[in-house]
């Protein structure tokens, strides 16, 4: 099982979308500063995730979210508190 996840920065309240096979390990890496893209935005909170059966499907969904602002807004609205 693969995951597309949404993180929210506790520092600047911005969002980050990523994909992984092991969501617990990946969120721990983000909060430990091992991911360059989010190192300066720690602490990060996992807001939610979607599951996909293959890595290709998860990567495609991540691509959609990162390249289509309307899809990203809908993804954020699905998990973020109002």
PDB file of N, CA and C in Angstrom:
ATOM      1  N   UNK A   1       0.848  -1.176   0.000  1.00  0.00           N
ATOM      2  CA  UNK A   1       0.000   0.000   0.000  1.00  0.00           C
ATOM      3  C   UNK A   1       0.894   1.241   0.000  1.00  0.00           C
ATOM      4  N   UNK A   2       0.486   2.236  -0.777  1.00  0.00           N
ATOM      5  CA  UNK A   2       1.223   3.490  -0.888  1.00  0.00           C
ATOM      6  C   UNK A   2       0.308   4.642  -0.499  1.00  0.00           C
ATOM      7  N   UNK A   3       0.899   5.731  -0.047  1.00  0.00           N
ATOM      8  CA  UNK A   3       0.134   6.839   0.518  1.00  0.00           C
ATOM      9  C   UNK A   3       0.526   8.165  -0.109  1.00  0.00           C
ATOM     10  N   UNK A   4      -0.458   9.019  -0.310  1.00  0.00           N
ATOM     11  CA  UNK A   4      -0.239  10.423  -0.639  1.00  0.00           C
ATOM     12  C   UNK A   4      -0.723  11.172   0.593  1.00  0.00           C
ATOM     13  N   UNK A   5       0.157  11.992   1.179  1.00  0.00           N
ATOM     14  CA  UNK A   5      -0.147  12.581   2.480  1.00  0.00           C
ATOM     15  C   UNK A   5      -0.065  14.098   2.446  1.00  0.00           C
ATOM     16  N   UNK A   6      -0.697  14.707   3.452  1.00  0.00           N
ATOM     17  CA  UNK A   6      -0.709  16.151   3.605  1.00  0.00           C
ATOM     18  C   UNK A   6      -0.153  16.506   4.976  1.00  0.00           C
ATOM     19  N   UNK A   7       0.876  17.352   4.972  1.00  0.00           N
ATOM     20  CA  UNK A   7       1.467  17.851   6.206  1.00  0.00           C
ATOM     21  C   UNK A   7       1.181  19.342   6.315  1.00  0.00           C
ATOM     22  N   UNK A   8       1.080  19.822   7.552  1.00  0.00           N
ATOM     23  CA  UNK A   8       0.930  21.261   7.803  1.00  0.00           C
ATOM     24  C   UNK A   8       2.048  21.698   8.730  1.00  0.00           C
ATOM     25  N   UNK A   9       2.703  22.776   8.356  1.00  0.00           N
ATOM     26  CA  UNK A   9       3.804  23.310   9.139  1.00  0.00           C
ATOM     27  C   UNK A   9       3.282  24.048  10.370  1.00  0.00           C
ATOM     28  N   UNK A  10       3.878  23.756  11.509  1.00  0.00           N
ATOM     29  CA  UNK A  10       3.531  24.475  12.727  1.00  0.00           C
ATOM     30  C   UNK A  10       4.214  25.833  12.788  1.00  0.00           C
ATOM     31  N   UNK A  11       5.206  26.039  11.934  1.00  0.00           N
ATOM     32  CA  UNK A  11       5.963  27.294  11.927  1.00  0.00           C
ATOM     33  C   UNK A  11       5.287  28.365  11.079  1.00  0.00           C
ATOM     34  N   UNK A  12       4.886  28.008   9.850  1.00  0.00           N
ATOM     35  CA  UNK A  12       4.328  29.010   8.952  1.00  0.00           C
ATOM     36  C   UNK A  12       2.942  28.648   8.398  1.00  0.00           C
ATOM     37  N   UNK A  13       2.354  27.571   8.898  1.00  0.00           N
ATOM     38  CA  UNK A  13       0.997  27.132   8.527  1.00  0.00           C
ATOM     39  C   UNK A  13       0.853  26.810   7.039  1.00  0.00           C
ATOM     40  N   UNK A  14       1.952  26.488   6.354  1.00  0.00           N
ATOM     41  CA  UNK A  14       1.894  26.091   4.948  1.00  0.00           C
ATOM     42  C   UNK A  14       1.749  24.575   4.855  1.00  0.00           C
ATOM     43  N   UNK A  15       1.350  24.117   3.679  1.00  0.00           N
ATOM     44  CA  UNK A  15       1.084  22.700   3.462  1.00  0.00           C
ATOM     45  C   UNK A  15       2.163  22.061   2.593  1.00  0.00           C
ATOM     46  N   UNK A  16       2.350  20.761   2.780  1.00  0.00           N
ATOM     47  CA  UNK A  16       3.280  19.978   1.969  1.00  0.00           C
ATOM     48  C   UNK A  16       2.589  18.674   1.597  1.00  0.00           C
ATOM     49  N   UNK A  17       2.693  18.295   0.325  1.00  0.00           N
ATOM     50  CA  UNK A  17       2.124  17.049  -0.180  1.00  0.00           C
ATOM     51  C   UNK A  17       3.271  16.136  -0.585  1.00  0.00           C
ATOM     52  N   UNK A  18       3.182  14.859  -0.201  1.00  0.00           N
ATOM     53  CA  UNK A  18       4.200  13.886  -0.580  1.00  0.00           C
ATOM     54  C   UNK A  18       3.586  12.509  -0.718  1.00  0.00           C
ATOM     55  N   UNK A  19       4.418  11.555  -1.155  1.00  0.00           N
ATOM     56  CA  UNK A  19       3.957  10.168  -1.266  1.00  0.00           C
ATOM     57  C   UNK A  19       5.033   9.248  -0.713  1.00  0.00           C
ATOM     58  N   UNK A  20       4.588   8.114  -0.162  1.00  0.00           N
ATOM     59  CA  UNK A  20       5.512   7.177   0.470  1.00  0.00           C
ATOM     60  C   UNK A  20       4.854   5.809   0.617  1.00  0.00           C
ATOM     61  N   UNK A  21       5.666   4.837   0.945  1.00  0.00           N
ATOM     62  CA  UNK A  21       5.153   3.498   1.240  1.00  0.00           C
ATOM     63  C   UNK A  21       4.954   3.323   2.747  1.00  0.00           C
ATOM     64  N   UNK A  22       5.785   3.994   3.546  1.00  0.00           N
ATOM     65  CA  UNK A  22       5.731   3.883   5.006  1.00  0.00           C
ATOM     66  C   UNK A  22       5.483   5.275   5.589  1.00  0.00           C
ATOM     67  N   UNK A  23       4.245   5.564   5.868  1.00  0.00           N
ATOM     68  CA  UNK A  23       3.870   6.925   6.255  1.00  0.00           C
ATOM     69  C   UNK A  23       4.431   7.329   7.622  1.00  0.00           C
ATOM     70  N   UNK A  24       4.466   6.419   8.568  1.00  0.00           N
ATOM     71  CA  UNK A  24       5.014   6.759   9.899  1.00  0.00           C
ATOM     72  C   UNK A  24       6.486   7.130   9.814  1.00  0.00           C
ATOM     73  N   UNK A  25       7.247   6.329   9.071  1.00  0.00           N
ATOM     74  CA  UNK A  25       8.681   6.596   8.903  1.00  0.00           C
ATOM     75  C   UNK A  25       8.896   7.930   8.198  1.00  0.00           C
ATOM     76  N   UNK A  26       8.101   8.197   7.159  1.00  0.00           N
ATOM     77  CA  UNK A  26       8.291   9.415   6.374  1.00  0.00           C
ATOM     78  C   UNK A  26       7.964  10.664   7.179  1.00  0.00           C
ATOM     79  N   UNK A  27       6.907  10.646   7.955  1.00  0.00           N
ATOM     80  CA  UNK A  27       6.568  11.805   8.790  1.00  0.00           C
ATOM     81  C   UNK A  27       7.660  12.017   9.839  1.00  0.00           C
ATOM     82  N   UNK A  28       8.194  10.937  10.403  1.00  0.00           N
ATOM     83  CA  UNK A  28       9.294  11.046  11.358  1.00  0.00           C
ATOM     84  C   UNK A  28      10.521  11.674  10.696  1.00  0.00           C
ATOM     85  N   UNK A  29      10.795  11.302   9.445  1.00  0.00           N
ATOM     86  CA  UNK A  29      11.925  11.894   8.721  1.00  0.00           C
ATOM     87  C   UNK A  29      11.705  13.398   8.523  1.00  0.00           C
ATOM     88  N   UNK A  30      10.503  13.783   8.167  1.00  0.00           N
ATOM     89  CA  UNK A  30      10.200  15.208   8.010  1.00  0.00           C
ATOM     90  C   UNK A  30      10.463  15.955   9.310  1.00  0.00           C
ATOM     91  N   UNK A  31       9.967  15.436  10.414  1.00  0.00           N
ATOM     92  CA  UNK A  31      10.115  16.124  11.697  1.00  0.00           C
ATOM     93  C   UNK A  31      11.516  16.058  12.268  1.00  0.00           C
ATOM     94  N   UNK A  32      12.339  15.114  11.801  1.00  0.00           N
ATOM     95  CA  UNK A  32      13.732  15.020  12.244  1.00  0.00           C
ATOM     96  C   UNK A  32      14.649  15.922  11.415  1.00  0.00           C
ATOM     97  N   UNK A  33      14.098  16.585  10.400  1.00  0.00           N
ATOM     98  CA  UNK A  33      14.905  17.464   9.566  1.00  0.00           C
ATOM     99  C   UNK A  33      15.673  16.745   8.482  1.00  0.00           C
ATOM    100  N   UNK A  34      15.288  15.517   8.158  1.00  0.00           N
ATOM    101  CA  UNK A  34      15.994  14.728   7.150  1.00  0.00           C
ATOM    102  C   UNK A  34      15.469  14.956   5.736  1.00  0.00           C
ATOM    103  N   UNK A  35      14.456  15.797   5.592  1.00  0.00           N
ATOM    104  CA  UNK A  35      13.889  16.111   4.278  1.00  0.00           C
ATOM    105  C   UNK A  35      14.144  17.597   4.023  1.00  0.00           C
ATOM    106  N   UNK A  36      14.966  17.867   3.021  1.00  0.00           N
ATOM    107  CA  UNK A  36      15.382  19.242   2.758  1.00  0.00           C
ATOM    108  C   UNK A  36      14.211  20.184   2.499  1.00  0.00           C
ATOM    109  N   UNK A  37      13.196  19.719   1.806  1.00  0.00           N
ATOM    110  CA  UNK A  37      12.057  20.572   1.440  1.00  0.00           C
ATOM    111  C   UNK A  37      11.287  21.093   2.649  1.00  0.00           C
ATOM    112  N   UNK A  38      11.313  20.371   3.762  1.00  0.00           N
ATOM    113  CA  UNK A  38      10.525  20.782   4.926  1.00  0.00           C
ATOM    114  C   UNK A  38      11.371  21.063   6.167  1.00  0.00           C
ATOM    115  N   UNK A  39      12.670  20.974   6.044  1.00  0.00           N
ATOM    116  CA  UNK A  39      13.563  21.127   7.211  1.00  0.00           C
ATOM    117  C   UNK A  39      13.324  22.435   7.965  1.00  0.00           C
ATOM    118  N   UNK A  40      13.172  23.523   7.250  1.00  0.00           N
ATOM    119  CA  UNK A  40      13.029  24.832   7.895  1.00  0.00           C
ATOM    120  C   UNK A  40      11.604  25.111   8.358  1.00  0.00           C
ATOM    121  N   UNK A  41      10.689  24.214   8.093  1.00  0.00           N
ATOM    122  CA  UNK A  41       9.279  24.450   8.412  1.00  0.00           C
ATOM    123  C   UNK A  41       8.770  23.567   9.537  1.00  0.00           C
ATOM    124  N   UNK A  42       9.659  22.934  10.279  1.00  0.00           N
ATOM    125  CA  UNK A  42       9.259  22.056  11.375  1.00  0.00           C
ATOM    126  C   UNK A  42       8.704  22.871  12.542  1.00  0.00           C
ATOM    127  N   UNK A  43       7.857  22.291  13.367  1.00  0.00           N
ATOM    128  CA  UNK A  43       7.317  20.933  13.348  1.00  0.00           C
ATOM    129  C   UNK A  43       6.199  20.791  12.300  1.00  0.00           C
ATOM    130  N   UNK A  44       6.017  19.569  11.844  1.00  0.00           N
ATOM    131  CA  UNK A  44       5.006  19.267  10.833  1.00  0.00           C
ATOM    132  C   UNK A  44       3.992  18.286  11.406  1.00  0.00           C
ATOM    133  N   UNK A  45       2.726  18.502  11.051  1.00  0.00           N
ATOM    134  CA  UNK A  45       1.659  17.656  11.550  1.00  0.00           C
ATOM    135  C   UNK A  45       0.977  16.957  10.368  1.00  0.00           C
ATOM    136  N   UNK A  46       0.795  15.671  10.477  1.00  0.00           N
ATOM    137  CA  UNK A  46       0.089  14.914   9.449  1.00  0.00           C
ATOM    138  C   UNK A  46      -1.404  15.207   9.579  1.00  0.00           C
ATOM    139  N   UNK A  47      -1.985  15.747   8.500  1.00  0.00           N
ATOM    140  CA  UNK A  47      -3.417  16.056   8.519  1.00  0.00           C
ATOM    141  C   UNK A  47      -4.254  14.916   7.953  1.00  0.00           C
ATOM    142  N   UNK A  48      -3.713  14.202   6.985  1.00  0.00           N
ATOM    143  CA  UNK A  48      -4.467  13.108   6.389  1.00  0.00           C
ATOM    144  C   UNK A  48      -3.713  12.489   5.236  1.00  0.00           C
ATOM    145  N   UNK A  49      -4.284  11.414   4.703  1.00  0.00           N
ATOM    146  CA  UNK A  49      -3.643  10.718   3.593  1.00  0.00           C
ATOM    147  C   UNK A  49      -4.676   9.929   2.804  1.00  0.00           C
ATOM    148  N   UNK A  50      -4.297   9.606   1.566  1.00  0.00           N
ATOM    149  CA  UNK A  50      -5.078   8.724   0.705  1.00  0.00           C
ATOM    150  C   UNK A  50      -4.226   7.492   0.425  1.00  0.00           C
ATOM    151  N   UNK A  51      -4.855   6.342   0.280  1.00  0.00           N
ATOM    152  CA  UNK A  51      -4.148   5.087   0.018  1.00  0.00           C
ATOM    153  C   UNK A  51      -4.304   4.685  -1.443  1.00  0.00           C
ATOM    154  N   UNK A  52      -3.225   4.121  -1.993  1.00  0.00           N
ATOM    155  CA  UNK A  52      -3.226   3.636  -3.369  1.00  0.00           C
ATOM    156  C   UNK A  52      -2.542   2.273  -3.410  1.00  0.00           C
ATOM    157  N   UNK A  53      -3.006   1.383  -4.278  1.00  0.00           N
ATOM    158  CA  UNK A  53      -2.427   0.039  -4.331  1.00  0.00           C
ATOM    159  C   UNK A  53      -1.047  -0.026  -4.975  1.00  0.00           C
ATOM    160  N   UNK A  54      -0.712   0.923  -5.851  1.00  0.00           N
ATOM    161  CA  UNK A  54       0.603   0.882  -6.515  1.00  0.00           C
ATOM    162  C   UNK A  54       1.323   2.219  -6.356  1.00  0.00           C
ATOM    163  N   UNK A  55       2.646   2.180  -6.438  1.00  0.00           N
ATOM    164  CA  UNK A  55       3.450   3.399  -6.361  1.00  0.00           C
ATOM    165  C   UNK A  55       3.139   4.319  -7.547  1.00  0.00           C
ATOM    166  N   UNK A  56       2.928   3.746  -8.715  1.00  0.00           N
ATOM    167  CA  UNK A  56       2.613   4.565  -9.890  1.00  0.00           C
ATOM    168  C   UNK A  56       1.360   5.405  -9.672  1.00  0.00           C
ATOM    169  N   UNK A  57       0.339   4.820  -9.077  1.00  0.00           N
ATOM    170  CA  UNK A  57      -0.894   5.560  -8.813  1.00  0.00           C
ATOM    171  C   UNK A  57      -0.650   6.670  -7.791  1.00  0.00           C
ATOM    172  N   UNK A  58       0.128   6.370  -6.753  1.00  0.00           N
ATOM    173  CA  UNK A  58       0.424   7.377  -5.729  1.00  0.00           C
ATOM    174  C   UNK A  58       1.261   8.511  -6.326  1.00  0.00           C
ATOM    175  N   UNK A  59       2.237   8.187  -7.153  1.00  0.00           N
ATOM    176  CA  UNK A  59       3.075   9.215  -7.775  1.00  0.00           C
ATOM    177  C   UNK A  59       2.253  10.095  -8.712  1.00  0.00           C
ATOM    178  N   UNK A  60       1.347   9.484  -9.438  1.00  0.00           N
ATOM    179  CA  UNK A  60       0.506  10.257 -10.348  1.00  0.00           C
ATOM    180  C   UNK A  60      -0.394  11.214  -9.567  1.00  0.00           C
ATOM    181  N   UNK A  61      -0.963  10.736  -8.480  1.00  0.00           N
ATOM    182  CA  UNK A  61      -1.816  11.598  -7.647  1.00  0.00           C
ATOM    183  C   UNK A  61      -1.003  12.743  -7.050  1.00  0.00           C
ATOM    184  N   UNK A  62       0.209  12.454  -6.574  1.00  0.00           N
ATOM    185  CA  UNK A  62       1.079  13.498  -6.034  1.00  0.00           C
ATOM    186  C   UNK A  62       1.379  14.530  -7.127  1.00  0.00           C
ATOM    187  N   UNK A  63       1.674  14.062  -8.335  1.00  0.00           N
ATOM    188  CA  UNK A  63       1.937  14.952  -9.455  1.00  0.00           C
ATOM    189  C   UNK A  63       0.728  15.859  -9.707  1.00  0.00           C
ATOM    190  N   UNK A  64      -0.470  15.271  -9.724  1.00  0.00           N
ATOM    191  CA  UNK A  64      -1.684  16.066  -9.935  1.00  0.00           C
ATOM    192  C   UNK A  64      -1.816  17.164  -8.882  1.00  0.00           C
ATOM    193  N   UNK A  65      -1.591  16.815  -7.633  1.00  0.00           N
ATOM    194  CA  UNK A  65      -1.753  17.768  -6.539  1.00  0.00           C
ATOM    195  C   UNK A  65      -0.716  18.880  -6.605  1.00  0.00           C
ATOM    196  N   UNK A  66       0.498  18.556  -7.030  1.00  0.00           N
ATOM    197  CA  UNK A  66       1.567  19.555  -7.071  1.00  0.00           C
ATOM    198  C   UNK A  66       1.512  20.427  -8.326  1.00  0.00           C
ATOM    199  N   UNK A  67       0.780  19.998  -9.349  1.00  0.00           N
ATOM    200  CA  UNK A  67       0.768  20.749 -10.598  1.00  0.00           C
ATOM    201  C   UNK A  67      -0.599  21.322 -10.980  1.00  0.00           C
ATOM    202  N   UNK A  68      -1.615  21.042 -10.188  1.00  0.00           N
ATOM    203  CA  UNK A  68      -2.956  21.555 -10.471  1.00  0.00           C
ATOM    204  C   UNK A  68      -3.505  22.174  -9.186  1.00  0.00           C
ATOM    205  N   UNK A  69      -3.510  23.495  -9.151  1.00  0.00           N
ATOM    206  CA  UNK A  69      -3.875  24.184  -7.909  1.00  0.00           C
ATOM    207  C   UNK A  69      -5.299  23.886  -7.457  1.00  0.00           C
ATOM    208  N   UNK A  70      -6.225  23.670  -8.401  1.00  0.00           N
ATOM    209  CA  UNK A  70      -7.598  23.367  -7.991  1.00  0.00           C
ATOM    210  C   UNK A  70      -7.677  22.023  -7.288  1.00  0.00           C
ATOM    211  N   UNK A  71      -6.922  21.039  -7.758  1.00  0.00           N
ATOM    212  CA  UNK A  71      -6.910  19.726  -7.113  1.00  0.00           C
ATOM    213  C   UNK A  71      -6.223  19.794  -5.752  1.00  0.00           C
ATOM    214  N   UNK A  72      -5.173  20.609  -5.652  1.00  0.00           N
ATOM    215  CA  UNK A  72      -4.484  20.760  -4.372  1.00  0.00           C
ATOM    216  C   UNK A  72      -5.405  21.431  -3.345  1.00  0.00           C
ATOM    217  N   UNK A  73      -6.133  22.461  -3.767  1.00  0.00           N
ATOM    218  CA  UNK A  73      -7.070  23.127  -2.850  1.00  0.00           C
ATOM    219  C   UNK A  73      -8.131  22.162  -2.339  1.00  0.00           C
ATOM    220  N   UNK A  74      -8.645  21.307  -3.228  1.00  0.00           N
ATOM    221  CA  UNK A  74      -9.662  20.330  -2.825  1.00  0.00           C
ATOM    222  C   UNK A  74      -9.076  19.305  -1.858  1.00  0.00           C
ATOM    223  N   UNK A  75      -7.834  18.881  -2.094  1.00  0.00           N
ATOM    224  CA  UNK A  75      -7.148  17.918  -1.223  1.00  0.00           C
ATOM    225  C   UNK A  75      -6.948  18.526   0.166  1.00  0.00           C
ATOM    226  N   UNK A  76      -6.516  19.766   0.206  1.00  0.00           N
ATOM    227  CA  UNK A  76      -6.313  20.457   1.484  1.00  0.00           C
ATOM    228  C   UNK A  76      -7.652  20.605   2.207  1.00  0.00           C
ATOM    229  N   UNK A  77      -8.690  21.003   1.498  1.00  0.00           N
ATOM    230  CA  UNK A  77     -10.011  21.189   2.106  1.00  0.00           C
ATOM    231  C   UNK A  77     -10.557  19.882   2.682  1.00  0.00           C
ATOM    232  N   UNK A  78     -10.188  18.765   2.069  1.00  0.00           N
ATOM    233  CA  UNK A  78     -10.642  17.461   2.530  1.00  0.00           C
ATOM    234  C   UNK A  78     -10.094  17.126   3.932  1.00  0.00           C
ATOM    235  N   UNK A  79      -8.877  17.594   4.239  1.00  0.00           N
ATOM    236  CA  UNK A  79      -8.222  17.209   5.490  1.00  0.00           C
ATOM    237  C   UNK A  79      -8.026  18.349   6.486  1.00  0.00           C
ATOM    238  N   UNK A  80      -7.888  19.556   5.995  1.00  0.00           N
ATOM    239  CA  UNK A  80      -7.568  20.683   6.884  1.00  0.00           C
ATOM    240  C   UNK A  80      -8.815  21.175   7.607  1.00  0.00           C
ATOM    241  N   UNK A  81      -8.659  21.543   8.867  1.00  0.00           N
ATOM    242  CA  UNK A  81      -9.798  22.097   9.595  1.00  0.00           C
ATOM    243  C   UNK A  81     -10.145  23.469   9.024  1.00  0.00           C
ATOM    244  N   UNK A  82     -11.415  23.849   9.065  1.00  0.00           N
ATOM    245  CA  UNK A  82     -11.836  25.148   8.484  1.00  0.00           C
ATOM    246  C   UNK A  82     -11.248  26.332   9.219  1.00  0.00           C
TER     247      UNK A  82
END
